Protein backbone atom coordinates (compact mmCIF):
# COMPACT_ATOMS: atom_id res chain seq x y z
CA UNK A 1 -38.92 -9.18 -18.69
CA UNK A 2 -38.30 -6.13 -16.49
CA UNK A 3 -36.67 -6.89 -13.17
CA UNK A 4 -38.00 -4.53 -10.52
CA UNK A 5 -36.90 -4.23 -6.88
CA UNK A 6 -40.38 -5.30 -5.78
CA UNK A 7 -40.26 -8.52 -7.80
CA UNK A 8 -36.73 -9.25 -6.65
CA UNK A 9 -37.68 -8.73 -3.01
CA UNK A 10 -40.80 -10.88 -3.38
CA UNK A 11 -38.85 -13.68 -5.06
CA UNK A 12 -36.10 -13.55 -2.40
CA UNK A 13 -38.65 -13.68 0.42
CA UNK A 14 -40.44 -16.60 -1.23
CA UNK A 15 -37.24 -18.61 -1.63
CA UNK A 16 -34.97 -17.59 1.28
CA UNK A 17 -32.63 -20.57 1.20
CA UNK A 18 -32.25 -20.40 -2.56
CA UNK A 19 -31.40 -16.70 -2.26
CA UNK A 20 -28.91 -17.33 0.52
CA UNK A 21 -27.28 -20.10 -1.48
CA UNK A 22 -27.00 -17.85 -4.53
CA UNK A 23 -25.23 -15.17 -2.47
CA UNK A 24 -22.82 -17.71 -0.97
CA UNK A 25 -22.07 -19.08 -4.44
CA UNK A 26 -21.57 -15.57 -5.85
CA UNK A 27 -19.14 -14.65 -3.06
CA UNK A 28 -17.21 -17.90 -3.52
CA UNK A 29 -16.86 -17.30 -7.27
CA UNK A 30 -15.74 -13.68 -6.76
CA UNK A 31 -13.14 -14.52 -4.12
CA UNK A 32 -11.76 -17.58 -5.94
CA UNK A 33 -11.46 -15.59 -9.16
CA UNK A 34 -9.83 -12.69 -7.32
CA UNK A 35 -7.29 -15.01 -5.68
CA UNK A 36 -6.32 -16.41 -9.07
CA UNK A 37 -6.35 -13.25 -11.17
CA UNK A 38 -5.87 -10.35 -8.76
CA UNK A 39 -3.94 -7.34 -10.05
CA UNK A 40 -1.44 -5.10 -8.24
CA UNK A 41 -2.72 -2.19 -6.20
CA UNK A 42 -0.56 0.90 -5.91
CA UNK A 43 -0.28 3.98 -3.70
CA UNK A 44 0.88 6.24 -6.50
CA UNK A 45 -2.33 6.51 -8.52
CA UNK A 46 -3.59 9.79 -7.12
CA UNK A 47 -3.65 12.76 -9.46
CA UNK A 48 -5.47 15.87 -10.53
CA UNK A 49 -8.66 15.64 -12.55
CA UNK A 50 -8.23 19.18 -13.88
CA UNK A 51 -5.25 21.37 -14.80
CA UNK A 52 -4.17 23.46 -11.81
CA UNK A 53 -1.11 25.68 -12.17
CA UNK A 54 1.08 23.21 -10.30
CA UNK A 55 0.19 20.44 -12.75
CA UNK A 56 0.74 22.72 -15.74
CA UNK A 57 4.17 23.62 -14.37
CA UNK A 58 5.02 19.96 -13.83
CA UNK A 59 3.97 19.16 -17.40
CA UNK A 60 6.32 21.88 -18.71
CA UNK A 61 9.20 20.54 -16.63
CA UNK A 62 8.57 17.00 -17.90
CA UNK A 63 8.35 18.22 -21.49
CA UNK A 64 11.63 20.16 -21.38
CA UNK A 65 13.74 18.00 -19.08
CA UNK A 66 12.17 14.59 -19.51
CA UNK A 67 10.13 12.53 -17.09
CA UNK A 68 11.58 9.72 -15.02
CA UNK A 69 8.84 7.46 -13.69
CA UNK A 70 11.23 5.00 -12.15
CA UNK A 71 10.84 4.30 -8.45
CA UNK A 72 13.49 5.68 -6.12
CA UNK A 73 14.37 5.42 -2.46
CA UNK A 74 16.91 7.03 -0.18
CA UNK A 75 18.53 5.04 2.60
CA UNK A 76 19.53 7.20 5.55
CA UNK A 77 22.34 6.11 7.89
CA UNK A 78 22.79 7.94 11.19
CA UNK A 79 24.84 7.53 14.35
CA UNK A 80 25.08 9.74 17.41
CA UNK A 81 28.52 8.40 18.35
CA UNK A 82 30.14 7.42 15.03
CA UNK A 83 30.97 9.51 11.99
CA UNK A 84 30.85 8.54 8.34
CA UNK A 85 34.62 8.02 8.39
CA UNK A 86 34.60 5.45 11.23
CA UNK A 87 35.21 1.85 10.08
CA UNK A 88 32.16 0.54 11.95
CA UNK A 89 29.90 3.09 10.26
CA UNK A 90 31.39 2.37 6.86
CA UNK A 91 30.99 -1.38 7.35
CA UNK A 92 27.23 -1.00 7.92
CA UNK A 93 26.84 1.17 4.82
CA UNK A 94 28.84 -1.15 2.58
CA UNK A 95 27.05 -4.23 3.92
CA UNK A 96 23.69 -2.66 3.09
CA UNK A 97 24.86 -1.68 -0.40
CA UNK A 98 26.24 -5.15 -1.12
CA UNK A 99 23.13 -6.92 0.13
CA UNK A 100 20.82 -4.82 -2.02
CA UNK A 101 22.96 -5.38 -5.10
CA UNK A 102 23.00 -9.13 -4.51
CA UNK A 103 19.31 -9.59 -3.75
CA UNK A 104 17.76 -7.06 -6.15
CA UNK A 105 20.29 -7.26 -8.97
CA UNK A 106 18.93 -5.84 -12.23
CA UNK A 107 15.93 -4.35 -10.42
CA UNK A 108 18.24 -1.60 -9.16
CA UNK A 109 19.32 0.73 -11.98
CA UNK A 110 21.77 2.62 -9.79
CA UNK A 111 22.76 3.07 -6.17
CA UNK A 112 25.33 5.63 -5.06
CA UNK A 113 27.84 4.48 -2.47
CA UNK A 114 29.48 7.53 -0.91
CA UNK A 115 32.83 5.84 -0.39
CA UNK A 116 33.13 5.18 -4.13
CA UNK A 117 32.59 8.83 -5.06
CA UNK A 118 34.11 10.55 -2.00
CA UNK A 119 36.58 12.41 -4.18
CA UNK A 120 33.88 14.20 -6.19
CA UNK A 121 32.55 17.55 -4.99
CA UNK A 122 28.95 16.34 -5.48
CA UNK A 123 29.56 13.62 -2.90
CA UNK A 124 29.49 16.20 -0.12
CA UNK A 125 25.71 16.47 -0.56
CA UNK A 126 25.41 12.89 0.69
CA UNK A 127 26.96 13.67 4.07
CA UNK A 128 25.61 15.88 6.84
CA UNK A 129 27.64 18.83 8.11
CA UNK A 130 28.53 17.03 11.35
CA UNK A 131 29.35 13.84 9.37
CA UNK A 132 27.10 11.72 11.55
CA UNK A 133 24.56 11.05 8.78
CA UNK A 134 24.89 9.62 5.28
CA UNK A 135 22.52 9.20 2.34
CA UNK A 136 22.46 6.37 -0.19
CA UNK A 137 20.23 7.18 -3.20
CA UNK A 138 18.73 4.13 -4.91
CA UNK A 139 17.03 4.25 -8.32
CA UNK A 140 15.07 1.25 -9.51
CA UNK A 141 14.74 0.03 -13.08
CA UNK A 142 10.95 0.31 -13.26
CA UNK A 143 8.00 2.18 -11.80
CA UNK A 144 6.72 1.46 -8.30
CA UNK A 145 3.86 -0.69 -9.61
CA UNK A 146 6.35 -3.26 -10.89
CA UNK A 147 7.44 -3.98 -7.32
CA UNK A 148 4.01 -4.30 -5.75
CA UNK A 149 4.15 -6.80 -2.92
CA UNK A 150 7.94 -6.50 -2.51
CA UNK A 151 8.01 -3.24 -0.55
CA UNK A 152 8.37 -4.81 2.89
CA UNK A 153 11.10 -7.10 1.57
CA UNK A 154 13.06 -4.08 0.37
CA UNK A 155 12.61 -2.27 3.69
CA UNK A 156 13.76 -5.35 5.61
CA UNK A 157 16.89 -5.70 3.48
CA UNK A 158 17.64 -1.98 3.44
CA UNK A 159 17.31 -1.58 7.19
CA UNK A 160 18.45 -5.05 8.21
CA UNK A 161 22.13 -4.20 8.61
CA UNK A 162 21.51 -1.68 11.38
CA UNK A 163 24.00 -2.26 14.18
CA UNK A 164 24.58 -0.94 17.64
CA UNK A 165 25.18 2.76 17.27
CA UNK A 166 24.09 3.00 13.61
CA UNK A 167 20.46 3.55 12.61
CA UNK A 168 19.11 2.89 9.10
CA UNK A 169 15.90 4.31 7.67
CA UNK A 170 14.56 3.92 4.13
CA UNK A 171 12.53 6.82 2.68
CA UNK A 172 10.98 6.91 -0.77
CA UNK A 173 8.60 5.20 -3.17
CA UNK A 174 8.91 1.56 -2.11
CA UNK A 175 9.48 2.17 1.59
CA UNK A 176 6.66 4.71 1.71
CA UNK A 177 4.32 2.34 -0.10
CA UNK A 178 5.26 -0.50 2.25
CA UNK A 179 4.72 1.63 5.35
CA UNK A 180 1.41 2.98 4.06
CA UNK A 181 0.25 -0.50 3.11
CA UNK A 182 1.02 -1.83 6.57
CA UNK A 183 -0.85 1.04 8.21
CA UNK A 184 -3.77 0.59 5.83
CA UNK A 185 -3.94 -3.12 6.64
CA UNK A 186 -3.94 -2.37 10.37
CA UNK A 187 -6.64 0.26 9.96
CA UNK A 188 -8.79 -2.11 7.92
CA UNK A 189 -8.52 -4.79 10.59
CA UNK A 190 -9.54 -2.22 13.21
CA UNK A 191 -12.63 -1.38 11.16
CA UNK A 192 -13.67 -5.00 11.46
CA UNK A 193 -12.46 -5.84 14.97
CA UNK A 194 -13.67 -2.61 16.59
CA UNK A 195 -16.31 -1.28 14.22
CA UNK A 196 -18.38 -4.46 13.97
CA UNK A 197 -18.78 -5.10 17.72
CA UNK A 198 -19.56 -1.44 18.36
CA UNK A 199 -22.10 -1.36 15.55
CA UNK A 200 -23.59 -4.64 16.78
CA UNK A 201 -24.20 -3.21 20.27
CA UNK A 202 -25.88 -0.12 18.81
CA UNK A 203 -28.08 -2.21 16.50
CA UNK A 204 -29.14 -4.55 19.30
CA UNK A 205 -30.21 -1.52 21.34
CA UNK A 206 -32.06 0.01 18.37
CA UNK A 207 -33.84 -3.14 17.16
CA UNK A 208 -34.16 -4.91 20.49
CA UNK A 209 -33.49 -8.29 18.84
CA UNK A 210 -30.33 -10.21 17.95
CA UNK A 211 -31.51 -11.52 14.56
CA UNK A 212 -32.66 -8.09 13.37
CA UNK A 213 -29.34 -6.58 14.48
CA UNK A 214 -27.35 -9.29 12.72
CA UNK A 215 -28.88 -8.70 9.27
CA UNK A 216 -27.40 -5.20 8.64
CA UNK A 217 -23.98 -6.44 9.76
CA UNK A 218 -24.26 -9.44 7.46
CA UNK A 219 -25.17 -7.16 4.55
CA UNK A 220 -22.17 -5.00 5.31
CA UNK A 221 -19.79 -7.97 5.43
CA UNK A 222 -21.15 -9.32 2.15
CA UNK A 223 -20.62 -5.92 0.53
CA UNK A 224 -17.05 -5.68 1.88
CA UNK A 225 -16.03 -9.16 0.73
CA UNK A 226 -17.62 -8.79 -2.71
CA UNK A 227 -16.15 -5.33 -3.27
CA UNK A 228 -12.66 -6.45 -2.21
CA UNK A 229 -12.78 -9.24 -4.77
CA UNK A 230 -14.05 -6.97 -7.54
CA UNK A 231 -11.36 -4.38 -6.77
CA UNK A 232 -8.66 -7.04 -7.00
CA UNK A 233 -9.93 -7.99 -10.46
CA UNK A 234 -10.29 -4.38 -11.65
CA UNK A 235 -6.67 -3.75 -10.68
CA UNK A 236 -5.69 -5.76 -13.78
CA UNK A 237 -7.21 -3.14 -16.08
CA UNK A 238 -7.21 0.07 -14.03
CA UNK A 239 -5.03 1.87 -11.49
CA UNK A 240 -6.53 0.92 -8.13
CA UNK A 241 -5.07 2.51 -5.02
CA UNK A 242 -4.43 0.38 -1.96
CA UNK A 243 -6.57 2.78 0.07
CA UNK A 244 -9.58 1.55 -1.91
CA UNK A 245 -9.81 -1.39 0.51
CA UNK A 246 -10.15 1.02 3.44
CA UNK A 247 -12.88 2.99 1.67
CA UNK A 248 -14.79 -0.15 0.69
CA UNK A 249 -14.72 -1.35 4.31
CA UNK A 250 -15.95 1.98 5.65
CA UNK A 251 -18.68 2.36 3.02
CA UNK A 252 -19.73 -1.28 3.24
CA UNK A 253 -20.29 -1.09 6.99
CA UNK A 254 -21.92 2.34 6.80
CA UNK A 255 -24.38 1.46 4.02
CA UNK A 256 -25.16 -1.94 5.49
CA UNK A 257 -25.93 -0.48 8.91
CA UNK A 258 -27.89 2.48 7.50
């Protein structure tokens, strides 16, 4: 039996409620399965598909000096009024270091506290020339993917000890992934909250009927929900970037409306 688009369309039109029920059932199965077996999505899956000179150079560096895939972050402490040597500044830095060691434990392979290595010449690289800023390098035990879903927790703990006069900012793999993920989530919600009403108004004007305008939007929503579930499942076997959700939302709405 050869399934053609014409036969599928004819069968769907002949049994509308059966077709609708099948789609609802399919979506429910996809989403339930995705909620149970979803895989981690990462921001660090982008790469070259060919061999540009920059990639060839990076491969040579990795081959001769070794490649460290472990995630890393740098916590930046800054104060306009206090210097690194002030007790209040030092207290914030040491509190942050202690909290990370206690809460992350073996997940942190190393973290450099300036006050422990202040006597070494290399320690000067951690302090700004005016001594109002200080860096705390943090190296994790595993790659970024191993900490998927914990990025915001790390940022909260790393920046949570900020006090009056001392700012704390985390910059690196986990903090960057957490910030990007938050922005991506906000952008995706805007696609739905702003894009759908705007598209609905345009479709009502074009079709001149509410039901006809609703169908393309419904198709787009079905595509978005189904694709999101499938992506969550594929993340178990493949590297799926977190920006895939944004693309699926954009394409789902665009194709459904077109």
